[in-house]
């Protein structure tokens, strides 16, 4: 699958943004 190839910029940018959002959600969850 070409979407999972590390050579594609969008494929690398997506996990980065997702990681930041996931990290933010975890922090909010711990604060509650």
PDB file of N, CA and C in Angstrom:
ATOM      1  N   UNK A   1       0.851  -1.200   0.000  1.00  0.00           N
ATOM      2  CA  UNK A   1       0.000   0.000   0.000  1.00  0.00           C
ATOM      3  C   UNK A   1       0.885   1.247   0.000  1.00  0.00           C
ATOM      4  N   UNK A   2       0.693   2.126  -0.974  1.00  0.00           N
ATOM      5  CA  UNK A   2       1.538   3.317  -1.108  1.00  0.00           C
ATOM      6  C   UNK A   2       1.327   4.283   0.049  1.00  0.00           C
ATOM      7  N   UNK A   3       0.162   4.232   0.695  1.00  0.00           N
ATOM      8  CA  UNK A   3      -0.123   5.171   1.791  1.00  0.00           C
ATOM      9  C   UNK A   3       0.806   4.937   2.983  1.00  0.00           C
ATOM     10  N   UNK A   4       1.259   3.698   3.154  1.00  0.00           N
ATOM     11  CA  UNK A   4       2.090   3.372   4.307  1.00  0.00           C
ATOM     12  C   UNK A   4       3.584   3.491   4.015  1.00  0.00           C
ATOM     13  N   UNK A   5       3.939   3.945   2.811  1.00  0.00           N
ATOM     14  CA  UNK A   5       5.359   4.105   2.491  1.00  0.00           C
ATOM     15  C   UNK A   5       5.911   5.360   3.155  1.00  0.00           C
ATOM     16  N   UNK A   6       7.037   5.258   3.858  1.00  0.00           N
ATOM     17  CA  UNK A   6       7.636   6.389   4.580  1.00  0.00           C
ATOM     18  C   UNK A   6       8.125   7.492   3.651  1.00  0.00           C
ATOM     19  N   UNK A   7       8.208   7.218   2.343  1.00  0.00           N
ATOM     20  CA  UNK A   7       8.702   8.222   1.401  1.00  0.00           C
ATOM     21  C   UNK A   7       7.661   9.302   1.124  1.00  0.00           C
ATOM     22  N   UNK A   8       6.395   9.033   1.478  1.00  0.00           N
ATOM     23  CA  UNK A   8       5.335  10.017   1.229  1.00  0.00           C
ATOM     24  C   UNK A   8       5.230  10.999   2.384  1.00  0.00           C
ATOM     25  N   UNK A   9       5.271  12.290   2.070  1.00  0.00           N
ATOM     26  CA  UNK A   9       5.213  13.321   3.112  1.00  0.00           C
ATOM     27  C   UNK A   9       3.887  13.299   3.869  1.00  0.00           C
ATOM     28  N   UNK A  10       2.735  13.222   3.175  1.00  0.00           N
ATOM     29  CA  UNK A  10       1.453  13.217   3.884  1.00  0.00           C
ATOM     30  C   UNK A  10       1.353  12.061   4.873  1.00  0.00           C
ATOM     31  N   UNK A  11       1.915  10.921   4.518  1.00  0.00           N
ATOM     32  CA  UNK A  11       1.858   9.751   5.395  1.00  0.00           C
ATOM     33  C   UNK A  11       2.652  10.002   6.673  1.00  0.00           C
ATOM     34  N   UNK A  12       3.747  10.775   6.555  1.00  0.00           N
ATOM     35  CA  UNK A  12       4.569  11.061   7.726  1.00  0.00           C
ATOM     36  C   UNK A  12       3.975  12.207   8.540  1.00  0.00           C
ATOM     37  N   UNK A  13       3.326  13.147   7.858  1.00  0.00           N
ATOM     38  CA  UNK A  13       2.762  14.306   8.544  1.00  0.00           C
ATOM     39  C   UNK A  13       1.526  13.907   9.351  1.00  0.00           C
ATOM     40  N   UNK A  14       0.734  12.969   8.821  1.00  0.00           N
ATOM     41  CA  UNK A  14      -0.499  12.559   9.497  1.00  0.00           C
ATOM     42  C   UNK A  14      -0.236  11.966  10.875  1.00  0.00           C
ATOM     43  N   UNK A  15       0.644  10.958  10.997  1.00  0.00           N
ATOM     44  CA  UNK A  15       0.936  10.381  12.316  1.00  0.00           C
ATOM     45  C   UNK A  15       1.455  11.425  13.301  1.00  0.00           C
ATOM     46  N   UNK A  16       2.207  12.401  12.805  1.00  0.00           N
ATOM     47  CA  UNK A  16       2.761  13.442  13.676  1.00  0.00           C
ATOM     48  C   UNK A  16       1.634  14.244  14.309  1.00  0.00           C
ATOM     49  N   UNK A  17       0.677  14.686  13.486  1.00  0.00           N
ATOM     50  CA  UNK A  17      -0.452  15.463  13.997  1.00  0.00           C
ATOM     51  C   UNK A  17      -1.313  14.603  14.909  1.00  0.00           C
ATOM     52  N   UNK A  18      -1.518  13.336  14.512  1.00  0.00           N
ATOM     53  CA  UNK A  18      -2.329  12.428  15.323  1.00  0.00           C
ATOM     54  C   UNK A  18      -1.682  12.207  16.689  1.00  0.00           C
ATOM     55  N   UNK A  19      -0.361  12.098  16.719  1.00  0.00           N
ATOM     56  CA  UNK A  19       0.359  11.873  17.968  1.00  0.00           C
ATOM     57  C   UNK A  19       0.176  13.058  18.901  1.00  0.00           C
ATOM     58  N   UNK A  20       0.250  14.268  18.324  1.00  0.00           N
ATOM     59  CA  UNK A  20       0.084  15.484  19.131  1.00  0.00           C
ATOM     60  C   UNK A  20      -1.321  15.539  19.714  1.00  0.00           C
ATOM     61  N   UNK A  21      -2.319  15.224  18.884  1.00  0.00           N
ATOM     62  CA  UNK A  21      -3.707  15.259  19.357  1.00  0.00           C
ATOM     63  C   UNK A  21      -3.927  14.196  20.424  1.00  0.00           C
ATOM     64  N   UNK A  22      -3.399  13.001  20.188  1.00  0.00           N
ATOM     65  CA  UNK A  22      -3.548  11.905  21.142  1.00  0.00           C
ATOM     66  C   UNK A  22      -2.879  12.274  22.460  1.00  0.00           C
ATOM     67  N   UNK A  23      -1.713  12.889  22.376  1.00  0.00           N
ATOM     68  CA  UNK A  23      -0.979  13.291  23.572  1.00  0.00           C
ATOM     69  C   UNK A  23      -1.792  14.327  24.355  1.00  0.00           C
ATOM     70  N   UNK A  24      -2.408  15.269  23.628  1.00  0.00           N
ATOM     71  CA  UNK A  24      -3.225  16.295  24.266  1.00  0.00           C
ATOM     72  C   UNK A  24      -4.426  15.667  24.962  1.00  0.00           C
ATOM     73  N   UNK A  25      -5.043  14.682  24.315  1.00  0.00           N
ATOM     74  CA  UNK A  25      -6.194  14.007  24.905  1.00  0.00           C
ATOM     75  C   UNK A  25      -5.790  13.278  26.179  1.00  0.00           C
ATOM     76  N   UNK A  26      -4.623  12.636  26.151  1.00  0.00           N
ATOM     77  CA  UNK A  26      -4.146  11.907  27.325  1.00  0.00           C
ATOM     78  C   UNK A  26      -3.915  12.866  28.484  1.00  0.00           C
ATOM     79  N   UNK A  27      -3.318  14.029  28.188  1.00  0.00           N
ATOM     80  CA  UNK A  27      -3.055  15.014  29.239  1.00  0.00           C
ATOM     81  C   UNK A  27      -4.365  15.504  29.839  1.00  0.00           C
ATOM     82  N   UNK A  28      -5.356  15.765  28.979  1.00  0.00           N
ATOM     83  CA  UNK A  28      -6.663  16.225  29.464  1.00  0.00           C
ATOM     84  C   UNK A  28      -7.309  15.131  30.313  1.00  0.00           C
ATOM     85  N   UNK A  29      -7.137  13.886  29.894  1.00  0.00           N
ATOM     86  CA  UNK A  29      -7.710  12.770  30.639  1.00  0.00           C
ATOM     87  C   UNK A  29      -7.087  12.650  32.020  1.00  0.00           C
ATOM     88  N   UNK A  30      -5.775  12.870  32.113  1.00  0.00           N
ATOM     89  CA  UNK A  30      -5.091  12.772  33.406  1.00  0.00           C
ATOM     90  C   UNK A  30      -5.464  13.937  34.316  1.00  0.00           C
ATOM     91  N   UNK A  31      -5.753  15.102  33.704  1.00  0.00           N
ATOM     92  CA  UNK A  31      -6.103  16.285  34.497  1.00  0.00           C
ATOM     93  C   UNK A  31      -7.470  16.123  35.150  1.00  0.00           C
ATOM     94  N   UNK A  32      -8.366  15.378  34.476  1.00  0.00           N
ATOM     95  CA  UNK A  32      -9.725  15.229  35.021  1.00  0.00           C
ATOM     96  C   UNK A  32      -9.683  14.444  36.326  1.00  0.00           C
TER      97      UNK A  32
END
